[in-house]
Amino acid sequence: MNIVQALFERQIAKFLDELAPRARSVVKRRYGIGGTSAMTLEAIGTKEGITRERVRQIENDAMKRLRKSPSFVTLASYEKEIGDLIESRGGMISENFLLALPELKNVKDKNSLILFIDLCDSLAKRKADQHFHARWHTKPAPVAGIESSLISFAEDLYRSRKTMSEAEASEKYESHCKKYNLEGITPLTIQAHFLLSKDIEKNVWGEYGHVSSPFVRPRGMRESSFVVLARAHQPLHFREIAHRIEEFAGHPVHIQTVHNELIKDDRFVLVGRGLYALGEWGYEPGFVKDVLVKLLKSNGPMTRDKIVEEVSHLRQVKPSTVFINLQNKKLFKTLEDGAYTLIS
């Protein structure tokens, strides 16, 4: 698409000049044309000294006049090209994604473009709501099917609480599309569809998940620490955890803050000197002597080698540390066969 900035914006400016001064002022303020922010009906009414309802009437009348203007015909080719852009992405596209497309990069005043699209009979806008961003679609687009497919897929992501690769997410989403009879789903379509949803998001590792998942939007140091350990699949020192949080958060992290949060949260287990693991991995909390007491209570007398082996599954400590703790005469004693047991 070759929308030349100067030409397009000059045409829009000339187009708006056909309106009466007050009508032109209302339209420009409503859409934020000319470098200003878009204004509400009430705010414009205050500026113009008229009621909110009167502003609405002026805007509606101005839009009708613009659609019927002979000058609008000169812009018809743009309508087709924008429609083709949207159609190539499944017939529906988020407003932000549409405005960021390279084909429209030469249009400096994007609000002028939004006004133009709003005037196009072949295109329609759906406002942002609970599940979706503001979006545009071609009139024939299967709007209900697209939205239902995305909501259904987002619900699956919410239930799983996990993330998935782009390839896996695409495959899963296509299965939802089939349920709603959507055809012609392409990688370009899927990309555009995902960007419609407020519930589906790609994380910094290129994986898709529900926005409520800590693996997509970790909230605070505790969730960030959980994500780091879950992705590492192994215990890490609290300094390394802080370093990895910095890498994906993109801002400095205080090491002591991370350490404090690890101490406070029962999901994390201290398994060595400064080393933390997730409790769900089977690691036992407490001091080494506490782990030994629990182990011997559950299994009865055990040999030293067997104790070391079992403790290695529960904590990351050296055998010598286990041996030292077994010397606690208030808790443990040695039987005639050399096995260790608890003092009753």
Protein backbone atom coordinates (compact mmCIF):
# COMPACT_ATOMS: atom_id res chain seq x y z
CA MET A 1 0.00 0.00 0.00
CA ASN A 2 1.44 3.35 -0.98
CA ILE A 3 -0.25 5.99 1.13
CA VAL A 4 2.04 8.99 0.80
CA GLN A 5 1.96 11.01 4.00
CA ALA A 6 1.78 14.50 2.54
CA LEU A 7 -0.75 13.56 -0.14
CA PHE A 8 -3.10 11.62 2.14
CA GLU A 9 -3.09 14.12 4.98
CA ARG A 10 -3.46 17.01 2.56
CA GLN A 11 -6.50 15.29 1.06
CA ILE A 12 -8.01 14.75 4.52
CA ALA A 13 -7.41 18.39 5.47
CA LYS A 14 -9.07 19.56 2.26
CA PHE A 15 -11.87 17.09 2.87
CA LEU A 16 -12.55 18.54 6.34
CA ASP A 17 -12.50 22.09 4.97
CA GLU A 18 -15.83 21.31 3.32
CA LEU A 19 -17.48 21.36 6.76
CA ALA A 20 -18.70 24.47 8.56
CA PRO A 21 -16.16 25.80 11.10
CA ARG A 22 -17.97 24.45 14.18
CA ALA A 23 -18.59 21.03 12.60
CA ARG A 24 -14.95 20.82 11.48
CA SER A 25 -13.78 21.76 14.98
CA VAL A 26 -15.98 19.09 16.58
CA VAL A 27 -14.76 16.33 14.25
CA LYS A 28 -11.09 17.24 14.67
CA ARG A 29 -11.43 17.30 18.45
CA ARG A 30 -13.37 14.03 18.56
CA TYR A 31 -10.65 12.23 16.60
CA GLY A 32 -7.67 14.16 17.93
CA ILE A 33 -6.63 15.38 14.49
CA GLY A 34 -3.90 17.97 14.36
CA GLY A 35 -1.74 16.80 17.21
CA THR A 36 -4.30 16.98 20.01
CA SER A 37 -5.76 14.12 22.03
CA ALA A 38 -9.22 12.83 21.17
CA MET A 39 -11.87 14.51 23.34
CA THR A 40 -15.15 13.29 24.80
CA LEU A 41 -18.50 14.77 23.82
CA GLU A 42 -18.73 16.43 27.22
CA ALA A 43 -15.27 18.00 26.99
CA ILE A 44 -16.01 19.38 23.52
CA GLY A 45 -19.34 20.72 24.76
CA THR A 46 -17.55 22.62 27.51
CA LYS A 47 -15.09 24.07 24.99
CA GLU A 48 -17.82 25.05 22.53
CA GLY A 49 -20.31 26.21 25.15
CA ILE A 50 -22.98 23.71 24.03
CA THR A 51 -24.56 20.56 25.45
CA ARG A 52 -23.13 17.07 25.10
CA GLU A 53 -26.14 16.01 23.04
CA ARG A 54 -25.71 18.98 20.69
CA VAL A 55 -22.08 17.95 20.10
CA ARG A 56 -23.31 14.46 19.21
CA GLN A 57 -25.79 15.88 16.71
CA ILE A 58 -23.14 18.06 15.09
CA GLU A 59 -20.73 15.11 14.84
CA ASN A 60 -23.34 12.77 13.33
CA ASP A 61 -24.41 15.39 10.79
CA ALA A 62 -20.78 16.12 9.86
CA MET A 63 -20.02 12.42 9.32
CA LYS A 64 -23.06 12.06 7.04
CA ARG A 65 -21.94 15.05 5.01
CA LEU A 66 -18.41 13.72 4.66
CA ARG A 67 -19.64 10.30 3.47
CA LYS A 68 -21.75 11.97 0.79
CA SER A 69 -19.02 14.38 -0.29
CA PRO A 70 -17.68 14.04 -3.87
CA SER A 71 -14.19 14.44 -2.35
CA PHE A 72 -14.65 11.15 -0.50
CA VAL A 73 -14.72 9.35 -3.85
CA THR A 74 -11.14 10.45 -4.50
CA LEU A 75 -10.10 8.48 -1.41
CA ALA A 76 -11.93 5.29 -2.45
CA SER A 77 -8.74 3.45 -3.43
CA TYR A 78 -7.50 3.75 0.14
CA GLU A 79 -10.64 2.07 1.42
CA LYS A 80 -10.02 -0.97 -0.76
CA GLU A 81 -6.36 -1.21 0.18
CA ILE A 82 -7.06 -0.97 3.91
CA GLY A 83 -9.86 -3.50 3.53
CA ASP A 84 -7.46 -5.88 1.76
CA LEU A 85 -4.95 -5.47 4.59
CA ILE A 86 -7.57 -6.42 7.17
CA GLU A 87 -8.92 -9.27 5.03
CA SER A 88 -5.44 -10.77 4.63
CA ARG A 89 -5.33 -11.11 8.42
CA GLY A 90 -8.60 -12.96 8.76
CA GLY A 91 -11.00 -10.06 8.38
CA MET A 92 -10.45 -8.54 11.83
CA ILE A 93 -7.50 -6.67 13.32
CA SER A 94 -6.80 -4.66 16.46
CA GLU A 95 -6.63 -0.92 15.91
CA ASN A 96 -3.11 -0.65 17.33
CA PHE A 97 -1.84 -3.48 15.12
CA LEU A 98 -3.49 -1.97 12.06
CA LEU A 99 -1.92 1.45 12.62
CA ALA A 100 1.51 -0.15 13.17
CA LEU A 101 1.51 -2.07 9.88
CA PRO A 102 4.45 -1.12 7.64
CA GLU A 103 2.02 -0.45 4.78
CA LEU A 104 0.67 2.53 6.77
CA LYS A 105 3.95 3.81 8.18
CA ASN A 106 3.95 6.91 5.97
CA VAL A 107 0.79 8.26 7.57
CA LYS A 108 2.07 10.51 10.32
CA ASP A 109 -1.25 11.60 11.77
CA LYS A 110 -2.83 8.24 12.55
CA ASN A 111 -5.97 9.94 13.86
CA SER A 112 -6.67 11.23 10.36
CA LEU A 113 -6.48 7.64 9.19
CA ILE A 114 -8.92 6.50 11.92
CA LEU A 115 -11.39 9.17 10.81
CA PHE A 116 -11.10 7.98 7.23
CA ILE A 117 -11.60 4.32 8.16
CA ASP A 118 -14.60 5.28 10.26
CA LEU A 119 -16.16 6.80 7.16
CA CYS A 120 -15.68 3.65 5.08
CA ASP A 121 -18.94 1.73 4.61
CA SER A 122 -17.13 -1.57 4.01
CA LEU A 123 -15.37 -1.46 7.39
CA ALA A 124 -16.73 -1.46 10.94
CA LYS A 125 -15.28 -0.84 14.38
CA ARG A 126 -15.89 -2.75 17.61
CA LYS A 127 -15.00 -0.91 20.78
CA ALA A 128 -12.68 -2.32 23.41
CA ASP A 129 -14.42 -4.52 25.98
CA GLN A 130 -13.58 -7.01 28.73
CA HIS A 131 -11.92 -9.53 26.42
CA PHE A 132 -10.81 -7.55 23.35
CA HIS A 133 -8.95 -4.44 22.31
CA ALA A 134 -10.55 -1.89 19.98
CA ARG A 135 -10.71 -3.55 16.56
CA TRP A 136 -11.73 -3.14 12.94
CA HIS A 137 -13.25 -5.71 10.62
CA THR A 138 -14.56 -6.06 7.12
CA LYS A 139 -18.34 -6.36 6.93
CA PRO A 140 -18.31 -10.03 5.76
CA ALA A 141 -15.84 -11.13 8.47
CA PRO A 142 -17.02 -13.97 10.79
CA VAL A 143 -16.81 -11.71 13.83
CA ALA A 144 -18.73 -13.95 16.25
CA GLY A 145 -16.67 -17.00 15.25
CA ILE A 146 -13.35 -15.22 15.71
CA GLU A 147 -14.28 -13.83 19.11
CA SER A 148 -15.75 -17.12 20.32
CA SER A 149 -12.65 -19.02 19.22
CA LEU A 150 -10.37 -16.62 21.07
CA ILE A 151 -12.45 -16.69 24.25
CA SER A 152 -12.56 -20.50 24.17
CA PHE A 153 -8.79 -20.75 23.65
CA ALA A 154 -8.14 -18.18 26.40
CA GLU A 155 -10.26 -20.23 28.81
CA ASP A 156 -8.12 -23.29 28.07
CA LEU A 157 -4.97 -21.28 28.77
CA TYR A 158 -6.46 -19.99 32.01
CA ARG A 159 -7.27 -23.49 33.22
CA SER A 160 -3.82 -24.84 32.40
CA ARG A 161 -1.94 -21.84 33.89
CA LYS A 162 0.90 -22.85 31.59
CA THR A 163 2.49 -21.31 28.52
CA MET A 164 3.13 -22.93 25.17
CA SER A 165 5.33 -22.37 22.16
CA GLU A 166 4.04 -20.38 19.20
CA ALA A 167 3.73 -23.57 17.15
CA GLU A 168 1.76 -25.35 19.88
CA ALA A 169 -0.44 -22.30 20.52
CA SER A 170 -1.21 -22.02 16.81
CA GLU A 171 -2.16 -25.69 16.60
CA LYS A 172 -4.39 -25.47 19.67
CA TYR A 173 -6.05 -22.29 18.43
CA GLU A 174 -6.79 -23.84 15.04
CA SER A 175 -8.70 -26.62 16.80
CA HIS A 176 -10.88 -23.98 18.47
CA CYS A 177 -11.42 -22.25 15.12
CA LYS A 178 -12.72 -25.51 13.66
CA LYS A 179 -15.35 -25.71 16.39
CA TYR A 180 -16.70 -22.37 15.19
CA ASN A 181 -16.37 -23.19 11.47
CA LEU A 182 -13.58 -20.72 10.76
CA GLU A 183 -11.72 -21.55 7.56
CA GLY A 184 -8.56 -20.36 5.86
CA ILE A 185 -6.60 -19.91 9.10
CA THR A 186 -3.00 -18.94 8.30
CA PRO A 187 0.00 -17.95 10.46
CA LEU A 188 -0.72 -14.30 9.56
CA THR A 189 -4.33 -14.74 10.64
CA ILE A 190 -3.37 -16.34 13.95
CA GLN A 191 -0.91 -13.56 14.73
CA ALA A 192 -3.59 -10.93 14.11
CA HIS A 193 -6.21 -12.85 16.09
CA PHE A 194 -3.99 -13.23 19.16
CA LEU A 195 -3.36 -9.48 19.16
CA LEU A 196 -7.12 -8.90 19.36
CA SER A 197 -7.36 -10.58 22.75
CA LYS A 198 -6.73 -8.95 26.11
CA ASP A 199 -6.56 -12.42 27.68
CA ILE A 200 -3.84 -13.98 25.49
CA GLU A 201 -0.30 -12.65 25.52
CA LYS A 202 3.19 -13.60 24.41
CA ASN A 203 5.86 -13.52 27.12
CA VAL A 204 9.52 -12.48 26.80
CA TRP A 205 10.47 -16.06 25.86
CA GLY A 206 8.09 -16.10 22.88
CA GLU A 207 5.54 -18.37 24.58
CA TYR A 208 1.79 -17.76 24.71
CA GLY A 209 -0.33 -17.95 27.83
CA HIS A 210 -3.19 -16.36 29.74
CA VAL A 211 -2.39 -12.87 31.06
CA SER A 212 -3.12 -14.04 34.62
CA SER A 213 -0.35 -16.65 34.46
CA PRO A 214 2.86 -15.75 36.34
CA PHE A 215 4.74 -17.10 33.32
CA VAL A 216 3.25 -14.27 31.23
CA ARG A 217 2.97 -11.39 33.69
CA PRO A 218 4.75 -12.21 36.95
CA ARG A 219 3.59 -9.84 39.68
CA GLY A 220 6.27 -8.91 42.18
CA MET A 221 9.46 -10.61 43.28
CA ARG A 222 7.78 -13.76 44.60
CA GLU A 223 6.08 -14.63 41.33
CA SER A 224 9.20 -13.65 39.38
CA SER A 225 11.31 -15.93 41.59
CA PHE A 226 8.83 -18.75 41.10
CA VAL A 227 9.02 -18.33 37.32
CA VAL A 228 12.83 -18.33 37.33
CA LEU A 229 13.05 -21.55 39.36
CA ALA A 230 10.26 -23.28 37.43
CA ARG A 231 12.02 -22.53 34.14
CA ALA A 232 15.44 -23.55 35.53
CA HIS A 233 14.18 -26.95 36.75
CA GLN A 234 16.89 -26.93 39.40
CA PRO A 235 17.81 -25.14 42.65
CA LEU A 236 19.50 -21.76 42.25
CA HIS A 237 21.36 -19.37 44.53
CA PHE A 238 19.30 -16.31 45.44
CA ARG A 239 21.85 -14.08 43.66
CA GLU A 240 21.40 -16.04 40.43
CA ILE A 241 17.61 -15.83 40.84
CA ALA A 242 17.87 -12.04 41.14
CA HIS A 243 20.14 -11.90 38.06
CA ARG A 244 17.68 -13.91 35.97
CA ILE A 245 14.77 -11.73 37.07
CA GLU A 246 16.72 -8.69 35.88
CA GLU A 247 17.23 -10.34 32.48
CA PHE A 248 13.52 -10.72 31.71
CA ALA A 249 12.20 -7.77 33.73
CA GLY A 250 14.54 -5.32 32.04
CA HIS A 251 15.28 -3.31 35.18
CA PRO A 252 17.62 -3.57 38.21
CA VAL A 253 16.56 -5.90 41.02
CA HIS A 254 17.71 -5.66 44.64
CA ILE A 255 19.28 -8.98 45.63
CA GLN A 256 18.27 -8.64 49.28
CA THR A 257 14.64 -7.99 48.30
CA VAL A 258 14.61 -11.24 46.33
CA HIS A 259 16.19 -13.11 49.23
CA ASN A 260 13.64 -11.71 51.69
CA GLU A 261 10.73 -12.80 49.49
CA LEU A 262 12.18 -16.30 49.11
CA ILE A 263 12.36 -16.62 52.89
CA LYS A 264 8.75 -15.48 53.40
CA ASP A 265 7.07 -17.72 50.82
CA ASP A 266 6.37 -21.38 51.64
CA ARG A 267 6.65 -22.32 47.96
CA PHE A 268 10.44 -21.94 48.23
CA VAL A 269 12.70 -24.27 50.17
CA LEU A 270 16.24 -23.50 51.31
CA VAL A 271 18.15 -26.61 50.21
CA GLY A 272 21.72 -25.46 50.63
CA ARG A 273 23.76 -22.41 51.53
CA GLY A 274 21.84 -19.67 49.71
CA LEU A 275 20.29 -22.26 47.37
CA TYR A 276 16.54 -22.31 46.89
CA ALA A 277 14.25 -24.84 45.24
CA LEU A 278 10.50 -25.21 44.76
CA GLY A 279 8.75 -27.21 47.45
CA GLU A 280 6.68 -28.94 44.75
CA TRP A 281 9.85 -30.71 43.62
CA GLY A 282 9.83 -32.74 46.83
CA TYR A 283 12.52 -30.85 48.72
CA GLU A 284 12.00 -30.71 52.49
CA PRO A 285 12.03 -27.42 54.41
CA GLY A 286 13.89 -26.93 57.70
CA PHE A 287 17.43 -27.58 58.92
CA VAL A 288 19.29 -30.75 57.96
CA LYS A 289 18.65 -32.23 61.41
CA ASP A 290 14.90 -31.70 60.88
CA VAL A 291 15.08 -33.56 57.58
CA LEU A 292 16.95 -36.42 59.26
CA VAL A 293 14.36 -36.66 62.05
CA LYS A 294 11.51 -36.81 59.55
CA LEU A 295 13.36 -39.37 57.42
CA LEU A 296 14.03 -41.72 60.34
CA LYS A 297 10.49 -41.34 61.65
CA SER A 298 9.13 -42.45 58.29
CA ASN A 299 11.60 -45.24 57.53
CA GLY A 300 12.89 -46.45 60.85
CA PRO A 301 16.59 -47.34 61.35
CA MET A 302 18.76 -46.64 58.29
CA THR A 303 22.40 -47.10 57.37
CA ARG A 304 24.55 -44.03 56.97
CA ASP A 305 24.89 -44.51 53.21
CA LYS A 306 21.13 -44.94 52.80
CA ILE A 307 20.52 -41.76 54.83
CA VAL A 308 22.94 -39.81 52.63
CA GLU A 309 21.23 -41.12 49.50
CA GLU A 310 17.74 -40.20 50.72
CA VAL A 311 18.78 -36.77 51.98
CA SER A 312 20.32 -36.01 48.56
CA HIS A 313 16.80 -36.23 47.08
CA LEU A 314 15.48 -33.74 49.63
CA ARG A 315 18.32 -31.26 50.12
CA GLN A 316 21.50 -30.14 48.35
CA VAL A 317 24.03 -30.76 51.11
CA LYS A 318 27.41 -32.46 51.29
CA PRO A 319 27.63 -35.94 52.86
CA SER A 320 29.91 -34.46 55.52
CA THR A 321 27.09 -32.13 56.59
CA VAL A 322 24.81 -35.15 57.03
CA PHE A 323 27.47 -36.98 59.04
CA ILE A 324 27.98 -33.99 61.34
CA ASN A 325 24.26 -33.72 62.03
CA LEU A 326 24.00 -37.45 62.78
CA GLN A 327 26.42 -36.87 65.65
CA ASN A 328 23.68 -35.03 67.55
CA LYS A 329 23.41 -37.35 70.60
CA LYS A 330 20.18 -35.70 71.73
CA LEU A 331 18.37 -36.81 68.57
CA PHE A 332 20.15 -39.83 67.09
CA LYS A 333 21.89 -42.99 68.21
CA THR A 334 23.78 -45.84 66.53
CA LEU A 335 22.53 -49.39 66.75
CA GLU A 336 24.76 -52.47 67.04
CA ASP A 337 24.57 -53.07 63.27
CA GLY A 338 25.76 -49.51 62.59
CA ALA A 339 22.32 -48.18 61.52
CA TYR A 340 21.04 -44.88 62.83
CA THR A 341 17.74 -44.39 64.63
CA LEU A 342 15.96 -41.75 66.69
CA ILE A 343 16.35 -41.53 70.41
CA SER A 344 12.90 -42.33 71.74
